[in-house]
Amino acid sequence: MFENLTQEQKKVIFEDGDLVVIAGPGTGKTYTLVNKIKYLLKNRSIPPEKIFVLTYSVRTSQELRSRLDKENLNFIKVDTFHGLAYDLWKEHFNKAPNLISESEKKRILKKLFAKTKNPLKGKKNKEIYFKYLKSRGLLDFELLLYEVSKLPLPEFKGYYFIIDEFQDLSPDILEFLIPFQKANFILFGDPNQSIYSFKGVKLEELCHFWQRFKPQIKILNLTLSFRCPETILKYAEKFKNAPWEVPPYKGIKENGIVQGFLFSNIFEESDFIVKLAKNLLGGLQLENQKHQSVSPKDIFVVSRIKNVFLSLKNQFLNEGIPVNIAEDDASEYFEKITKFLSMIENSTISVEDAIKISDVEIKVFLENLWAMSFGEKEKFLSYLKILEPSDFIIPQKEGVNFLSIHASKGLEAEYIILIGAEEGLIPLEIFKDTLKDEEKRLVYVALTRAKKGFYFTAVKNRKIFNFTLNKGISYYFKDFPLKVFSSKPKKPKQTGLF
């Protein structure tokens, strides 16, 4: 059963006890996770009802559920942390928690803290907000986690909590896990892809939590990448930046392209990126490099912030290259989900009938979510309420995908083109609330999406918002191959005859 596995993967599968599995990019993390479940079931005779697979996002839960279904493991519980909290609340009180949606939360916060930006950053404001919810018998998802963690819960001794993307766990989820200390924990993830500090994730604190919570936890690594070529992995090494030491990655593919380009202005940069994309698509030949042509969706154009690449969209379209702004599509899907939620909450129609008449673009997603809810309407509604636009960033349309680096996490493409590699943008210094450590990890994420090649571009002078960036290429890329293009001479104006 466990023949087609690397030695590292076998070690993870056969090792007993609490584990942290640090899985590098494209190292077969999910494949190993699924085989670990098979091992627990067949070799350790763990009852399936004692295995919980937990994730932060609904999207990841659905992906894992689909993967387990294909392996005939659809009887394993796959859920979000909030979904588990929902079940425990319902089991204790014999009724569903009265959860508010994100839009309701925004409305309440506006009412309580009209003139305060990010009001829940302060501890006192959070106490006021929670008190307001409790007085009205309401819960948001953070309060649900907190309230459930204070209930007299069973010990869960002998259970296995398999957590995917452990690097994304926020402090409220870590606190929620404390009552389950006697369970076995197996964590899968890559702390070098921890890029969600704006959601409250604190990587150093997360590391210390597991050291205290499970002092005997063993750390194992998956370092052989089936996705990234050696060259790309070599450059990604310098951007590893996490509290856990990770051995250097190896790739089964040799070579790989890493190349940067510096231009005088954004117009020359844009023209070049269009030519580069055409070349990768099998059109023009550029720099005498011959590429095996790819389809448009196999190319990602990424940037630290979306505003950098937005002007490129029309230029691609004018050249007949289809494009896909994945985050805009995700927002549209999310809007449709929000309307569906509003409709079903204020209607007597059954969930099945509501899904049948729903927008065709969200129907399959809703059907999968309904299956995940096991036919329970309140649980189904709770999933709908916790959804975020990022749950819908799944580039499926045919077109070159334009994404922020954050949105590209968890995805992969044949070629990555990073636009805007100037000092000030990478690391992002034009705003004050960014973390240098996380900025390095964002470059690591961008690099390790690439299966064949990673290109980056910068200009000597770029205006973004009210800022002028004129320091050239970021020092992050000082050791990378770089071709500098001198400014094209302006065409001389024709002089008059007189």
Protein backbone atom coordinates (compact mmCIF):
# COMPACT_ATOMS: atom_id res chain seq x y z
CA MET A 1 0.00 0.00 0.00
CA PHE A 2 2.83 2.42 0.84
CA GLU A 3 5.20 1.67 -2.07
CA ASN A 4 5.07 4.93 -4.08
CA LEU A 5 6.45 7.11 -1.32
CA THR A 6 9.72 8.88 -0.65
CA GLN A 7 11.71 7.94 2.46
CA GLU A 8 10.66 11.24 4.06
CA GLN A 9 6.99 10.55 3.35
CA LYS A 10 7.30 7.03 4.79
CA LYS A 11 8.86 8.41 7.96
CA VAL A 12 5.87 10.74 8.44
CA ILE A 13 3.42 7.89 7.85
CA PHE A 14 5.05 5.33 10.16
CA GLU A 15 6.12 7.72 12.95
CA ASP A 16 3.92 7.63 16.05
CA GLY A 17 3.09 10.45 18.44
CA ASP A 18 2.52 14.16 17.94
CA LEU A 19 4.11 15.47 14.74
CA VAL A 20 4.86 18.74 12.97
CA VAL A 21 5.33 17.96 9.28
CA ILE A 22 6.99 20.88 7.52
CA ALA A 23 6.16 20.27 3.88
CA GLY A 24 8.04 22.36 1.34
CA PRO A 25 6.39 23.53 -1.89
CA GLY A 26 5.20 20.66 -4.08
CA THR A 27 6.56 17.93 -1.79
CA GLY A 28 3.37 15.84 -1.75
CA LYS A 29 1.87 17.18 1.48
CA THR A 30 -1.74 16.17 0.79
CA TYR A 31 -0.67 12.80 -0.64
CA THR A 32 1.26 12.13 2.59
CA LEU A 33 -1.64 13.33 4.75
CA VAL A 34 -4.06 10.93 3.01
CA ASN A 35 -1.64 8.01 3.39
CA LYS A 36 -1.16 8.86 7.08
CA ILE A 37 -4.93 8.48 7.54
CA LYS A 38 -4.83 5.11 5.73
CA TYR A 39 -2.01 3.97 8.02
CA LEU A 40 -3.91 5.00 11.17
CA LEU A 41 -7.00 3.13 9.98
CA LYS A 42 -5.40 -0.07 8.70
CA ASN A 43 -2.13 -0.46 10.59
CA ARG A 44 -3.04 1.14 13.91
CA SER A 45 -6.75 0.19 13.88
CA ILE A 46 -7.83 3.70 14.87
CA PRO A 47 -11.65 3.96 14.57
CA PRO A 48 -12.57 6.43 11.79
CA GLU A 49 -14.77 8.45 14.17
CA LYS A 50 -11.62 9.26 16.18
CA ILE A 51 -9.87 10.97 13.25
CA PHE A 52 -10.62 14.65 12.61
CA VAL A 53 -9.07 16.49 9.65
CA LEU A 54 -9.24 20.20 10.41
CA THR A 55 -8.47 23.32 8.37
CA TYR A 56 -8.95 27.06 8.69
CA SER A 57 -10.82 27.71 5.45
CA VAL A 58 -13.92 26.20 3.85
CA ARG A 59 -12.06 26.06 0.52
CA THR A 60 -9.27 23.86 1.94
CA SER A 61 -11.85 21.66 3.70
CA GLN A 62 -13.66 21.10 0.42
CA GLU A 63 -10.41 20.28 -1.39
CA LEU A 64 -9.46 17.72 1.26
CA ARG A 65 -12.97 16.27 1.32
CA SER A 66 -12.79 15.79 -2.47
CA ARG A 67 -9.37 14.13 -2.18
CA LEU A 68 -10.55 11.75 0.56
CA ASP A 69 -13.69 10.90 -1.42
CA LYS A 70 -11.49 9.76 -4.33
CA GLU A 71 -9.63 7.47 -1.92
CA ASN A 72 -12.90 5.99 -0.61
CA LEU A 73 -12.34 7.72 2.73
CA ASN A 74 -15.52 9.78 2.70
CA PHE A 75 -16.36 8.53 6.23
CA ILE A 76 -13.50 10.60 7.74
CA LYS A 77 -14.61 13.86 9.35
CA VAL A 78 -13.19 16.85 7.47
CA ASP A 79 -14.16 20.24 8.80
CA THR A 80 -13.08 23.76 9.66
CA PHE A 81 -12.27 24.62 13.26
CA HIS A 82 -15.44 26.68 13.34
CA GLY A 83 -17.40 23.72 11.99
CA LEU A 84 -16.08 21.54 14.83
CA ALA A 85 -16.95 24.28 17.35
CA TYR A 86 -20.45 24.41 15.86
CA ASP A 87 -20.89 20.64 16.35
CA LEU A 88 -19.61 20.74 19.95
CA TRP A 89 -21.89 23.67 20.80
CA LYS A 90 -24.91 21.91 19.32
CA GLU A 91 -24.06 18.67 21.11
CA HIS A 92 -23.80 20.48 24.47
CA PHE A 93 -26.83 22.79 24.21
CA ASN A 94 -28.92 20.60 21.91
CA LYS A 95 -29.45 23.53 19.55
CA ALA A 96 -27.50 25.36 16.85
CA PRO A 97 -25.48 28.46 17.82
CA ASN A 98 -27.09 31.75 16.77
CA LEU A 99 -24.32 32.94 14.46
CA ILE A 100 -24.10 36.30 12.74
CA SER A 101 -22.72 36.77 9.22
CA GLU A 102 -19.76 38.97 8.31
CA SER A 103 -22.10 41.68 6.99
CA GLU A 104 -24.05 41.66 10.28
CA LYS A 105 -20.76 41.88 12.16
CA LYS A 106 -19.73 44.95 10.15
CA ARG A 107 -23.08 46.59 10.84
CA ILE A 108 -22.76 46.00 14.62
CA LEU A 109 -19.18 47.27 14.70
CA LYS A 110 -20.21 50.41 12.83
CA LYS A 111 -22.98 50.96 15.36
CA LEU A 112 -20.68 50.45 18.39
CA PHE A 113 -17.49 52.09 17.10
CA ALA A 114 -18.59 54.48 14.35
CA LYS A 115 -15.35 56.44 14.06
CA THR A 116 -12.81 53.74 14.89
CA LYS A 117 -10.73 52.00 12.23
CA ASN A 118 -10.13 48.29 12.95
CA PRO A 119 -12.02 48.53 16.27
CA LEU A 120 -11.35 44.94 17.39
CA LYS A 121 -7.59 45.44 17.55
CA GLY A 122 -8.02 46.82 21.05
CA LYS A 123 -8.80 44.37 23.88
CA LYS A 124 -11.30 46.72 25.54
CA ASN A 125 -13.31 47.19 22.34
CA LYS A 126 -13.43 43.44 21.81
CA GLU A 127 -14.86 43.01 25.32
CA ILE A 128 -17.55 45.62 24.58
CA TYR A 129 -18.38 43.91 21.30
CA PHE A 130 -18.57 40.41 22.84
CA LYS A 131 -20.72 41.74 25.69
CA TYR A 132 -23.10 43.26 23.12
CA LEU A 133 -23.38 39.91 21.29
CA LYS A 134 -23.89 37.87 24.46
CA SER A 135 -26.62 40.22 25.74
CA ARG A 136 -28.57 39.48 22.56
CA GLY A 137 -27.87 35.74 22.44
CA LEU A 138 -25.63 36.15 19.39
CA LEU A 139 -22.23 34.71 18.47
CA ASP A 140 -19.65 35.50 15.85
CA PHE A 141 -17.15 32.81 14.91
CA GLU A 142 -14.39 34.03 17.21
CA LEU A 143 -16.75 34.18 20.18
CA LEU A 144 -18.06 30.71 19.27
CA LEU A 145 -14.52 29.29 19.49
CA TYR A 146 -13.97 31.00 22.86
CA GLU A 147 -17.30 29.89 24.36
CA VAL A 148 -16.90 26.28 23.23
CA SER A 149 -13.37 26.11 24.68
CA LYS A 150 -14.89 26.91 28.13
CA LEU A 151 -17.48 24.09 27.97
CA PRO A 152 -16.97 20.83 29.92
CA LEU A 153 -15.79 18.88 26.88
CA PRO A 154 -14.73 15.20 26.76
CA GLU A 155 -10.99 14.46 26.95
CA PHE A 156 -10.62 13.25 23.33
CA LYS A 157 -7.88 10.87 24.49
CA GLY A 158 -6.96 8.47 21.68
CA TYR A 159 -8.32 10.86 19.02
CA TYR A 160 -6.21 12.17 16.13
CA PHE A 161 -6.45 15.82 15.11
CA ILE A 162 -4.81 16.17 11.69
CA ILE A 163 -4.42 19.86 10.92
CA ASP A 164 -3.68 21.15 7.44
CA GLU A 165 -1.92 24.52 6.86
CA PHE A 166 -1.03 24.80 10.55
CA GLN A 167 1.00 27.96 9.85
CA ASP A 168 -2.28 29.87 9.32
CA LEU A 169 -3.68 29.29 12.83
CA SER A 170 -4.62 32.51 14.63
CA PRO A 171 -4.44 32.94 18.45
CA ASP A 172 -8.22 32.38 18.87
CA ILE A 173 -7.95 28.97 17.16
CA LEU A 174 -4.92 28.00 19.27
CA GLU A 175 -6.87 28.87 22.43
CA PHE A 176 -9.79 26.79 21.15
CA LEU A 177 -7.47 23.76 20.85
CA ILE A 178 -6.34 23.81 24.50
CA PRO A 179 -9.13 21.51 25.83
CA PHE A 180 -8.06 18.82 23.34
CA GLN A 181 -4.53 18.45 24.73
CA LYS A 182 -4.87 14.69 25.35
CA ALA A 183 -5.58 14.05 21.67
CA ASN A 184 -2.79 13.23 19.22
CA PHE A 185 -1.91 16.15 16.93
CA ILE A 186 -0.40 15.81 13.46
CA LEU A 187 0.27 19.19 11.83
CA PHE A 188 0.96 19.64 8.13
CA GLY A 189 2.07 22.93 6.59
CA ASP A 190 4.90 25.23 5.62
CA PRO A 191 5.70 28.02 8.10
CA ASN A 192 7.70 29.75 5.38
CA GLN A 193 4.36 30.39 3.69
CA SER A 194 2.89 32.16 6.73
CA ILE A 195 1.65 35.43 5.20
CA TYR A 196 -1.53 36.23 7.14
CA SER A 197 -0.41 38.53 9.95
CA PHE A 198 -3.29 40.84 8.94
CA LYS A 199 -5.63 38.04 10.13
CA GLY A 200 -3.89 37.94 13.50
CA VAL A 201 -1.50 35.06 12.76
CA LYS A 202 1.73 35.41 14.77
CA LEU A 203 4.30 32.83 13.68
CA GLU A 204 6.68 33.13 16.66
CA GLU A 205 3.77 32.79 19.12
CA LEU A 206 2.43 29.83 17.15
CA CYS A 207 5.80 28.08 17.41
CA HIS A 208 5.99 28.71 21.17
CA PHE A 209 2.41 27.50 21.63
CA TRP A 210 3.19 24.06 20.19
CA GLN A 211 6.41 23.80 22.19
CA ARG A 212 4.42 24.42 25.41
CA PHE A 213 1.24 22.57 24.42
CA LYS A 214 2.99 19.44 23.14
CA PRO A 215 6.58 19.43 24.52
CA GLN A 216 7.32 15.99 23.00
CA ILE A 217 6.15 16.93 19.49
CA LYS A 218 8.51 15.69 16.77
CA ILE A 219 9.45 17.76 13.73
CA LEU A 220 9.71 16.01 10.37
CA ASN A 221 10.39 17.50 6.96
CA LEU A 222 9.32 16.89 3.38
CA THR A 223 12.07 18.46 1.26
CA LEU A 224 11.87 16.76 -2.17
CA SER A 225 9.82 19.00 -4.46
CA PHE A 226 7.96 17.50 -7.41
CA ARG A 227 6.93 21.01 -8.55
CA CYS A 228 9.86 23.40 -8.50
CA PRO A 229 13.13 22.95 -10.42
CA GLU A 230 16.44 23.06 -8.55
CA THR A 231 17.31 26.57 -9.75
CA ILE A 232 14.10 28.08 -8.36
CA LEU A 233 14.50 26.22 -5.05
CA LYS A 234 18.06 27.53 -4.72
CA TYR A 235 16.86 31.14 -4.91
CA ALA A 236 13.88 30.42 -2.62
CA GLU A 237 16.26 29.28 0.15
CA LYS A 238 17.30 32.85 1.01
CA PHE A 239 13.67 33.79 1.68
CA LYS A 240 12.97 31.05 4.21
CA ASN A 241 12.12 32.87 7.39
CA ALA A 242 10.42 30.88 10.12
CA PRO A 243 11.14 29.78 13.72
CA TRP A 244 11.61 26.16 12.60
CA GLU A 245 14.88 25.16 10.92
CA VAL A 246 14.22 23.46 7.61
CA PRO A 247 16.87 21.57 5.56
CA PRO A 248 17.51 22.80 2.01
CA TYR A 249 14.97 21.68 -0.57
CA LYS A 250 15.79 19.40 -3.48
CA GLY A 251 13.92 19.12 -6.77
CA ILE A 252 13.35 16.14 -9.03
CA LYS A 253 13.52 18.59 -11.95
CA GLU A 254 16.82 20.19 -12.90
CA ASN A 255 17.39 23.61 -14.41
CA GLY A 256 14.41 25.98 -14.35
CA ILE A 257 14.51 29.64 -15.30
CA VAL A 258 15.09 32.55 -12.92
CA GLN A 259 15.56 35.92 -14.65
CA GLY A 260 14.97 39.57 -13.82
CA PHE A 261 14.60 42.63 -16.06
CA LEU A 262 15.03 46.32 -15.19
CA PHE A 263 13.43 49.00 -17.40
CA SER A 264 13.52 52.76 -17.53
CA ASN A 265 9.75 53.17 -17.31
CA ILE A 266 6.48 51.26 -16.97
CA PHE A 267 5.67 51.53 -20.70
CA GLU A 268 8.77 49.60 -21.72
CA GLU A 269 8.11 47.14 -18.89
CA SER A 270 4.51 46.55 -20.05
CA ASP A 271 5.54 46.06 -23.69
CA PHE A 272 8.14 43.52 -22.62
CA ILE A 273 5.77 41.54 -20.38
CA VAL A 274 3.26 41.25 -23.23
CA LYS A 275 6.04 39.97 -25.53
CA LEU A 276 7.25 37.57 -22.84
CA ALA A 277 3.72 36.18 -22.38
CA LYS A 278 3.35 35.78 -26.17
CA ASN A 279 6.63 33.94 -26.28
CA LEU A 280 5.60 31.55 -23.50
CA LEU A 281 2.32 30.96 -25.31
CA GLY A 282 4.25 29.86 -28.37
CA GLY A 283 4.19 33.11 -30.31
CA LEU A 284 7.16 35.45 -30.60
CA GLN A 285 10.67 34.29 -29.88
CA LEU A 286 12.29 36.42 -27.22
CA GLU A 287 15.96 36.60 -26.34
CA ASN A 288 16.40 33.48 -28.52
CA GLN A 289 15.01 31.37 -25.68
CA LYS A 290 12.85 28.51 -26.85
CA HIS A 291 10.04 27.47 -24.56
CA GLN A 292 7.62 24.65 -24.79
CA SER A 293 4.39 26.57 -25.30
CA VAL A 294 1.78 26.63 -22.55
CA SER A 295 -1.87 27.65 -22.31
CA PRO A 296 -2.73 31.12 -20.94
CA LYS A 297 -3.93 29.78 -17.55
CA ASP A 298 -0.45 28.30 -17.02
CA ILE A 299 0.97 31.82 -16.63
CA PHE A 300 0.55 33.90 -13.47
CA VAL A 301 1.31 37.62 -13.43
CA VAL A 302 1.70 38.47 -9.73
CA SER A 303 2.52 41.57 -7.73
CA ARG A 304 2.75 42.64 -4.11
CA ILE A 305 -0.34 44.83 -4.54
CA LYS A 306 -2.93 44.58 -7.30
CA ASN A 307 -2.66 48.22 -8.42
CA VAL A 308 0.72 47.48 -9.97
CA PHE A 309 -0.60 45.17 -12.69
CA LEU A 310 -4.09 46.56 -13.35
CA SER A 311 -2.98 48.76 -16.27
CA LEU A 312 -1.56 45.67 -18.02
CA LYS A 313 -4.95 44.02 -18.38
CA ASN A 314 -6.10 46.06 -21.39
CA GLN A 315 -2.72 45.75 -23.07
CA PHE A 316 -2.98 41.95 -22.93
CA LEU A 317 -6.54 42.04 -24.26
CA ASN A 318 -5.55 44.39 -27.10
CA GLU A 319 -2.91 41.86 -28.14
CA GLY A 320 -5.51 39.08 -28.18
CA ILE A 321 -4.27 37.41 -24.97
CA PRO A 322 -7.15 36.36 -22.68
CA VAL A 323 -6.80 37.42 -19.03
CA ASN A 324 -8.38 36.42 -15.76
CA ILE A 325 -8.34 38.77 -12.75
CA ALA A 326 -8.92 35.96 -10.26
CA GLU A 327 -9.58 38.18 -7.22
CA ASP A 328 -12.24 40.17 -9.08
CA ASP A 329 -13.93 36.92 -10.11
CA ALA A 330 -13.73 35.74 -6.49
CA SER A 331 -15.47 38.92 -5.31
CA GLU A 332 -18.26 38.34 -7.83
CA TYR A 333 -18.74 34.74 -6.65
CA PHE A 334 -18.74 35.92 -3.04
CA GLU A 335 -21.41 38.51 -3.86
CA LYS A 336 -23.57 35.77 -5.37
CA ILE A 337 -23.09 33.62 -2.25
CA THR A 338 -24.08 36.59 -0.05
CA LYS A 339 -27.29 37.04 -2.05
CA PHE A 340 -28.01 33.32 -1.83
CA LEU A 341 -27.51 33.41 1.96
CA SER A 342 -29.88 36.36 2.30
CA MET A 343 -32.48 34.61 0.15
CA ILE A 344 -32.39 31.31 2.02
CA GLU A 345 -32.44 32.95 5.46
CA ASN A 346 -35.59 34.87 4.56
CA SER A 347 -37.42 32.09 2.75
CA THR A 348 -39.27 28.88 3.53
CA ILE A 349 -37.81 27.18 0.47
CA SER A 350 -35.78 24.02 1.15
CA VAL A 351 -32.00 24.11 0.75
CA GLU A 352 -32.11 21.53 -2.07
CA ASP A 353 -34.67 23.56 -4.03
CA ALA A 354 -32.76 26.81 -3.39
CA ILE A 355 -29.57 25.23 -4.76
CA LYS A 356 -31.44 23.99 -7.85
CA ILE A 357 -32.46 27.55 -8.76
CA SER A 358 -29.17 29.18 -7.71
CA ASP A 359 -26.76 30.92 -10.09
CA VAL A 360 -25.06 28.33 -12.31
CA GLU A 361 -21.58 29.62 -11.34
CA ILE A 362 -22.04 28.80 -7.64
CA LYS A 363 -24.27 25.73 -7.92
CA VAL A 364 -21.53 23.07 -7.74
CA PHE A 365 -19.89 24.88 -4.82
CA LEU A 366 -23.21 24.97 -2.94
CA GLU A 367 -23.90 21.29 -3.67
CA ASN A 368 -20.49 20.36 -2.21
CA LEU A 369 -21.08 22.56 0.82
CA TRP A 370 -24.50 20.99 1.37
CA ALA A 371 -22.89 17.54 1.24
CA MET A 372 -20.30 18.71 3.78
CA SER A 373 -23.18 19.79 6.05
CA PHE A 374 -24.75 16.31 5.93
CA GLY A 375 -28.17 17.74 5.19
CA GLU A 376 -28.29 20.09 8.20
CA LYS A 377 -29.55 23.54 7.21
CA GLU A 378 -28.11 25.44 10.20
CA LYS A 379 -24.64 23.94 9.66
CA PHE A 380 -24.91 24.79 5.95
CA LEU A 381 -25.78 28.39 6.86
CA SER A 382 -22.85 28.56 9.28
CA TYR A 383 -20.45 27.63 6.45
CA LEU A 384 -22.00 30.28 4.20
CA LYS A 385 -21.56 32.89 6.95
CA ILE A 386 -17.84 32.25 7.43
CA LEU A 387 -16.96 32.32 3.74
CA GLU A 388 -14.55 34.97 2.47
CA PRO A 389 -13.81 36.13 -1.10
CA SER A 390 -10.47 34.31 -0.86
CA ASP A 391 -12.37 30.99 -0.71
CA PHE A 392 -13.23 31.53 -4.39
CA ILE A 393 -9.75 32.27 -5.75
CA ILE A 394 -9.53 29.16 -7.91
CA PRO A 395 -8.32 30.16 -11.39
CA GLN A 396 -10.37 27.99 -13.72
CA LYS A 397 -11.11 30.26 -16.66
CA GLU A 398 -8.84 30.16 -19.69
CA GLY A 399 -6.64 33.23 -19.48
CA VAL A 400 -3.39 34.57 -18.06
CA ASN A 401 -4.07 34.88 -14.34
CA PHE A 402 -3.37 38.22 -12.65
CA LEU A 403 -3.05 37.80 -8.87
CA SER A 404 -1.64 39.44 -5.79
CA ILE A 405 1.04 37.25 -4.17
CA HIS A 406 -1.34 36.61 -1.27
CA ALA A 407 -3.97 35.26 -3.66
CA SER A 408 -1.46 32.96 -5.38
CA LYS A 409 -0.75 30.99 -2.20
CA GLY A 410 -1.80 27.37 -2.58
CA LEU A 411 -1.75 27.61 -6.38
CA GLU A 412 0.85 26.74 -9.00
CA ALA A 413 1.64 27.63 -12.61
CA GLU A 414 4.22 26.78 -15.24
CA TYR A 415 5.53 30.36 -15.28
CA ILE A 416 5.37 33.19 -12.76
CA ILE A 417 5.97 36.81 -13.81
CA LEU A 418 6.43 39.06 -10.79
CA ILE A 419 5.86 42.69 -11.73
CA GLY A 420 6.97 45.55 -9.47
CA ALA A 421 10.16 44.23 -7.88
CA GLU A 422 11.28 47.70 -6.82
CA GLU A 423 12.49 48.80 -3.44
CA GLY A 424 9.44 50.21 -1.67
CA LEU A 425 7.11 47.59 -3.14
CA ILE A 426 9.17 44.52 -2.21
CA PRO A 427 9.51 44.66 0.70
CA LEU A 428 6.40 46.81 0.95
CA GLU A 429 7.57 49.99 2.68
CA ILE A 430 5.10 52.55 1.37
CA PHE A 431 2.71 51.40 4.13
CA LYS A 432 3.74 51.21 7.77
CA ASP A 433 1.85 48.12 8.96
CA THR A 434 3.94 45.46 7.19
CA LEU A 435 6.38 42.97 8.74
CA LYS A 436 9.84 42.50 7.21
CA ASP A 437 9.88 38.76 8.01
CA GLU A 438 6.56 38.29 6.27
CA GLU A 439 7.68 40.31 3.26
CA LYS A 440 10.49 37.80 2.72
CA ARG A 441 8.03 34.94 2.99
CA LEU A 442 5.84 36.57 0.33
CA VAL A 443 8.74 36.41 -2.15
CA TYR A 444 9.25 32.77 -1.15
CA VAL A 445 5.57 32.12 -1.95
CA ALA A 446 5.84 33.88 -5.33
CA LEU A 447 8.98 31.94 -6.33
CA THR A 448 7.67 28.55 -5.29
CA ARG A 449 4.46 28.75 -7.35
CA ALA A 450 6.60 28.19 -10.46
CA LYS A 451 6.94 24.78 -12.10
CA LYS A 452 9.30 25.91 -14.88
CA GLY A 453 10.26 29.57 -14.73
CA PHE A 454 10.22 32.67 -12.53
CA TYR A 455 10.61 36.11 -14.11
CA PHE A 456 10.54 39.45 -12.33
CA THR A 457 10.48 43.03 -13.58
CA ALA A 458 11.20 46.44 -12.10
CA VAL A 459 11.47 50.02 -13.36
CA LYS A 460 13.70 52.92 -12.44
CA ASN A 461 10.72 55.13 -11.76
CA ARG A 462 7.21 54.01 -10.78
CA LYS A 463 4.31 56.02 -9.38
CA ILE A 464 1.89 54.12 -7.17
CA PHE A 465 -0.86 55.88 -5.21
CA ASN A 466 0.84 59.10 -4.03
CA PHE A 467 4.31 57.59 -3.94
CA THR A 468 7.18 57.79 -6.41
CA LEU A 469 9.53 54.80 -6.30
CA ASN A 470 12.88 55.63 -7.86
CA LYS A 471 15.43 53.40 -6.07
CA GLY A 472 15.32 50.70 -8.73
CA ILE A 473 15.45 46.97 -8.13
CA SER A 474 14.83 45.74 -4.59
CA TYR A 475 17.83 44.59 -2.57
CA TYR A 476 15.94 41.30 -2.13
CA PHE A 477 16.90 40.50 -5.73
CA LYS A 478 20.51 41.72 -5.74
CA ASP A 479 21.96 38.21 -6.28
CA PHE A 480 19.49 37.26 -9.01
CA PRO A 481 20.30 37.25 -12.75
CA LEU A 482 19.30 40.69 -14.05
CA LYS A 483 19.22 42.21 -17.51
CA VAL A 484 19.11 46.01 -17.58
CA PHE A 485 17.41 47.68 -20.55
CA SER A 486 18.52 51.18 -21.40
CA SER A 487 15.83 53.69 -22.32
CA LYS A 488 14.75 53.59 -25.93
CA PRO A 489 15.63 56.78 -27.78
CA LYS A 490 12.65 58.93 -28.67
CA LYS A 491 11.74 59.07 -32.34
CA PRO A 492 12.93 62.41 -33.78
CA LYS A 493 10.20 64.83 -34.76
CA GLN A 494 10.12 65.81 -38.42
CA THR A 495 11.37 69.34 -38.82
CA GLY A 496 9.43 71.89 -40.82
CA LEU A 497 10.44 72.94 -44.30
CA PHE A 498 10.80 76.59 -43.31
